[in-house]
Amino acid sequence: MAKKIKPILPSLREKKRYLVFEIVSKKDIKSFSEVSSLIWQSSLSFLGEIETAKAGIWVLPDKWNQKKQMGMVKVSNKHVDKLKTALTLIKSFKRQQILVKSVGVSGMINKADKKYLAI
């Protein structure tokens, strides 16, 4: 019989934050995959592969609101400011100017959802 792996204690787990962002543009961005690739490209070019991996960036697909052009990214608590900077460096998408701004940060996904997204 196989032994169960012990879970990591909460005090040893890496702490995460949920950053809510908004995209301001003349035309709406329809697909989540385009938004996700924009964020990944920007973080890779600004932070590099190693820092992006350490940041643990995860763009949450179920939190993307196409009508409001808002979404949520999970990130390590030590890399929140670096991710904010990477988001502000996104300037264009398909030859149109866009602005990606952070709306707020929370340590709990439900709180970030209710306070900033309110989908």
C-alpha atoms as a PDB file:
ATOM      1  CA  MET A   1       0.000   0.000   0.000  1.00  0.00           C
ATOM      2  CA  ALA A   2       1.341   3.442  -0.957  1.00  0.00           C
ATOM      3  CA  LYS A   3       2.071   6.009   1.736  1.00  0.00           C
ATOM      4  CA  LYS A   4       0.266   9.334   1.630  1.00  0.00           C
ATOM      5  CA  ILE A   5       2.375  12.402   1.106  1.00  0.00           C
ATOM      6  CA  LYS A   6       2.165  14.802   4.019  1.00  0.00           C
ATOM      7  CA  PRO A   7       0.781  18.213   3.066  1.00  0.00           C
ATOM      8  CA  ILE A   8       2.994  21.270   3.451  1.00  0.00           C
ATOM      9  CA  LEU A   9       2.315  23.254   6.602  1.00  0.00           C
ATOM     10  CA  PRO A  10       0.606  26.615   5.964  1.00  0.00           C
ATOM     11  CA  SER A  11       3.545  28.460   7.514  1.00  0.00           C
ATOM     12  CA  LEU A  12       5.905  26.895   4.943  1.00  0.00           C
ATOM     13  CA  ARG A  13       3.718  27.514   1.887  1.00  0.00           C
ATOM     14  CA  GLU A  14       4.492  30.366  -0.431  1.00  0.00           C
ATOM     15  CA  LYS A  15       2.131  33.257   0.138  1.00  0.00           C
ATOM     16  CA  LYS A  16       0.138  34.466  -2.832  1.00  0.00           C
ATOM     17  CA  ARG A  17      -1.758  37.575  -3.817  1.00  0.00           C
ATOM     18  CA  TYR A  18      -4.540  38.134  -6.316  1.00  0.00           C
ATOM     19  CA  LEU A  19      -4.049  41.183  -8.529  1.00  0.00           C
ATOM     20  CA  VAL A  20      -7.091  42.538 -10.368  1.00  0.00           C
ATOM     21  CA  PHE A  21      -6.319  44.376 -13.620  1.00  0.00           C
ATOM     22  CA  GLU A  22      -8.301  46.363 -16.166  1.00  0.00           C
ATOM     23  CA  ILE A  23      -7.594  46.876 -19.854  1.00  0.00           C
ATOM     24  CA  VAL A  24      -8.486  50.270 -21.314  1.00  0.00           C
ATOM     25  CA  SER A  25      -8.749  50.322 -25.115  1.00  0.00           C
ATOM     26  CA  LYS A  26     -10.982  51.539 -27.920  1.00  0.00           C
ATOM     27  CA  LYS A  27     -11.864  48.009 -29.044  1.00  0.00           C
ATOM     28  CA  ASP A  28     -12.615  45.182 -26.626  1.00  0.00           C
ATOM     29  CA  ILE A  29     -10.302  42.199 -26.441  1.00  0.00           C
ATOM     30  CA  LYS A  30     -12.559  39.219 -26.956  1.00  0.00           C
ATOM     31  CA  SER A  31     -10.571  36.125 -26.049  1.00  0.00           C
ATOM     32  CA  PHE A  32      -8.971  35.278 -22.725  1.00  0.00           C
ATOM     33  CA  SER A  33      -6.054  33.538 -24.439  1.00  0.00           C
ATOM     34  CA  GLU A  34      -4.985  36.820 -26.060  1.00  0.00           C
ATOM     35  CA  VAL A  35      -5.041  38.592 -22.690  1.00  0.00           C
ATOM     36  CA  SER A  36      -3.112  35.763 -21.071  1.00  0.00           C
ATOM     37  CA  SER A  37      -0.436  35.769 -23.767  1.00  0.00           C
ATOM     38  CA  LEU A  38      -0.075  39.571 -23.455  1.00  0.00           C
ATOM     39  CA  ILE A  39       0.574  39.269 -19.720  1.00  0.00           C
ATOM     40  CA  TRP A  40       2.964  36.335 -20.135  1.00  0.00           C
ATOM     41  CA  GLN A  41       4.954  38.067 -22.906  1.00  0.00           C
ATOM     42  CA  SER A  42       5.261  41.249 -20.874  1.00  0.00           C
ATOM     43  CA  SER A  43       6.352  39.456 -17.710  1.00  0.00           C
ATOM     44  CA  LEU A  44       8.867  37.320 -19.600  1.00  0.00           C
ATOM     45  CA  SER A  45      10.403  40.322 -21.340  1.00  0.00           C
ATOM     46  CA  PHE A  46      10.533  42.445 -18.162  1.00  0.00           C
ATOM     47  CA  LEU A  47      11.359  39.846 -15.493  1.00  0.00           C
ATOM     48  CA  GLY A  48      12.994  37.092 -17.525  1.00  0.00           C
ATOM     49  CA  GLU A  49      12.249  33.390 -17.313  1.00  0.00           C
ATOM     50  CA  ILE A  50      13.708  32.754 -13.865  1.00  0.00           C
ATOM     51  CA  GLU A  51      11.989  35.664 -12.115  1.00  0.00           C
ATOM     52  CA  THR A  52       8.693  34.886 -13.860  1.00  0.00           C
ATOM     53  CA  ALA A  53       8.937  31.324 -12.571  1.00  0.00           C
ATOM     54  CA  LYS A  54       9.735  32.551  -9.055  1.00  0.00           C
ATOM     55  CA  ALA A  55       6.776  34.944  -9.204  1.00  0.00           C
ATOM     56  CA  GLY A  56       4.426  32.035  -9.871  1.00  0.00           C
ATOM     57  CA  ILE A  57       2.256  34.106 -12.202  1.00  0.00           C
ATOM     58  CA  TRP A  58      -1.043  32.463 -13.083  1.00  0.00           C
ATOM     59  CA  VAL A  59      -3.679  34.294 -15.141  1.00  0.00           C
ATOM     60  CA  LEU A  60      -7.037  32.981 -13.933  1.00  0.00           C
ATOM     61  CA  PRO A  61      -9.310  32.081 -16.888  1.00  0.00           C
ATOM     62  CA  ASP A  62     -12.570  31.944 -14.938  1.00  0.00           C
ATOM     63  CA  LYS A  63     -12.059  35.501 -13.612  1.00  0.00           C
ATOM     64  CA  TRP A  64     -11.850  37.205 -17.041  1.00  0.00           C
ATOM     65  CA  ASN A  65     -14.811  39.548 -17.593  1.00  0.00           C
ATOM     66  CA  GLN A  66     -15.059  40.458 -21.263  1.00  0.00           C
ATOM     67  CA  LYS A  67     -17.693  43.174 -20.772  1.00  0.00           C
ATOM     68  CA  LYS A  68     -15.693  45.046 -18.138  1.00  0.00           C
ATOM     69  CA  GLN A  69     -12.317  44.088 -19.671  1.00  0.00           C
ATOM     70  CA  MET A  70     -11.123  43.040 -16.216  1.00  0.00           C
ATOM     71  CA  GLY A  71      -9.340  39.959 -14.953  1.00  0.00           C
ATOM     72  CA  MET A  72      -7.287  38.483 -12.139  1.00  0.00           C
ATOM     73  CA  VAL A  73      -3.732  37.190 -11.830  1.00  0.00           C
ATOM     74  CA  LYS A  74      -2.355  35.045  -9.001  1.00  0.00           C
ATOM     75  CA  VAL A  75       1.202  35.996  -8.029  1.00  0.00           C
ATOM     76  CA  SER A  76       3.673  35.522  -5.177  1.00  0.00           C
ATOM     77  CA  ASN A  77       3.463  38.224  -2.500  1.00  0.00           C
ATOM     78  CA  LYS A  78       7.110  39.168  -3.089  1.00  0.00           C
ATOM     79  CA  HIS A  79       6.560  39.853  -6.801  1.00  0.00           C
ATOM     80  CA  VAL A  80       3.362  41.944  -6.814  1.00  0.00           C
ATOM     81  CA  ASP A  81       5.144  45.220  -7.598  1.00  0.00           C
ATOM     82  CA  LYS A  82       7.182  43.611 -10.370  1.00  0.00           C
ATOM     83  CA  LEU A  83       4.010  42.237 -11.961  1.00  0.00           C
ATOM     84  CA  LYS A  84       2.353  45.663 -11.736  1.00  0.00           C
ATOM     85  CA  THR A  85       5.333  47.134 -13.575  1.00  0.00           C
ATOM     86  CA  ALA A  86       5.194  44.402 -16.228  1.00  0.00           C
ATOM     87  CA  LEU A  87       1.474  45.138 -16.757  1.00  0.00           C
ATOM     88  CA  THR A  88       2.062  48.864 -17.211  1.00  0.00           C
ATOM     89  CA  LEU A  89       4.673  48.104 -19.884  1.00  0.00           C
ATOM     90  CA  ILE A  90       1.980  46.609 -22.152  1.00  0.00           C
ATOM     91  CA  LYS A  91       1.337  49.415 -24.639  1.00  0.00           C
ATOM     92  CA  SER A  92      -0.282  47.895 -27.733  1.00  0.00           C
ATOM     93  CA  PHE A  93      -2.317  44.971 -28.975  1.00  0.00           C
ATOM     94  CA  LYS A  94      -2.950  44.265 -32.671  1.00  0.00           C
ATOM     95  CA  ARG A  95      -1.781  47.747 -33.691  1.00  0.00           C
ATOM     96  CA  GLN A  96      -4.044  49.574 -31.254  1.00  0.00           C
ATOM     97  CA  GLN A  97      -2.944  51.373 -28.132  1.00  0.00           C
ATOM     98  CA  ILE A  98      -4.028  49.855 -24.841  1.00  0.00           C
ATOM     99  CA  LEU A  99      -3.462  50.592 -21.183  1.00  0.00           C
ATOM    100  CA  VAL A 100      -3.342  47.848 -18.563  1.00  0.00           C
ATOM    101  CA  LYS A 101      -3.780  49.148 -15.045  1.00  0.00           C
ATOM    102  CA  SER A 102      -3.969  47.342 -11.730  1.00  0.00           C
ATOM    103  CA  VAL A 103      -7.202  47.924  -9.860  1.00  0.00           C
ATOM    104  CA  GLY A 104      -6.317  46.257  -6.559  1.00  0.00           C
ATOM    105  CA  VAL A 105      -4.558  43.445  -4.728  1.00  0.00           C
ATOM    106  CA  SER A 106      -5.902  41.021  -2.146  1.00  0.00           C
ATOM    107  CA  GLY A 107      -4.644  37.978  -0.280  1.00  0.00           C
ATOM    108  CA  MET A 108      -7.940  36.148  -0.685  1.00  0.00           C
ATOM    109  CA  ILE A 109      -9.531  35.328  -4.038  1.00  0.00           C
ATOM    110  CA  ASN A 110     -13.101  35.830  -2.784  1.00  0.00           C
ATOM    111  CA  LYS A 111     -12.297  39.241  -1.343  1.00  0.00           C
ATOM    112  CA  ALA A 112     -10.617  40.367  -4.560  1.00  0.00           C
ATOM    113  CA  ASP A 113     -13.599  39.067  -6.514  1.00  0.00           C
ATOM    114  CA  LYS A 114     -16.190  40.907  -4.427  1.00  0.00           C
ATOM    115  CA  LYS A 115     -14.263  44.138  -3.873  1.00  0.00           C
ATOM    116  CA  TYR A 116     -12.759  44.739  -7.312  1.00  0.00           C
ATOM    117  CA  LEU A 117     -14.342  42.518  -9.954  1.00  0.00           C
ATOM    118  CA  ALA A 118     -17.949  42.116  -8.777  1.00  0.00           C
ATOM    119  CA  ILE A 119     -18.780  39.892 -11.732  1.00  0.00           C
END
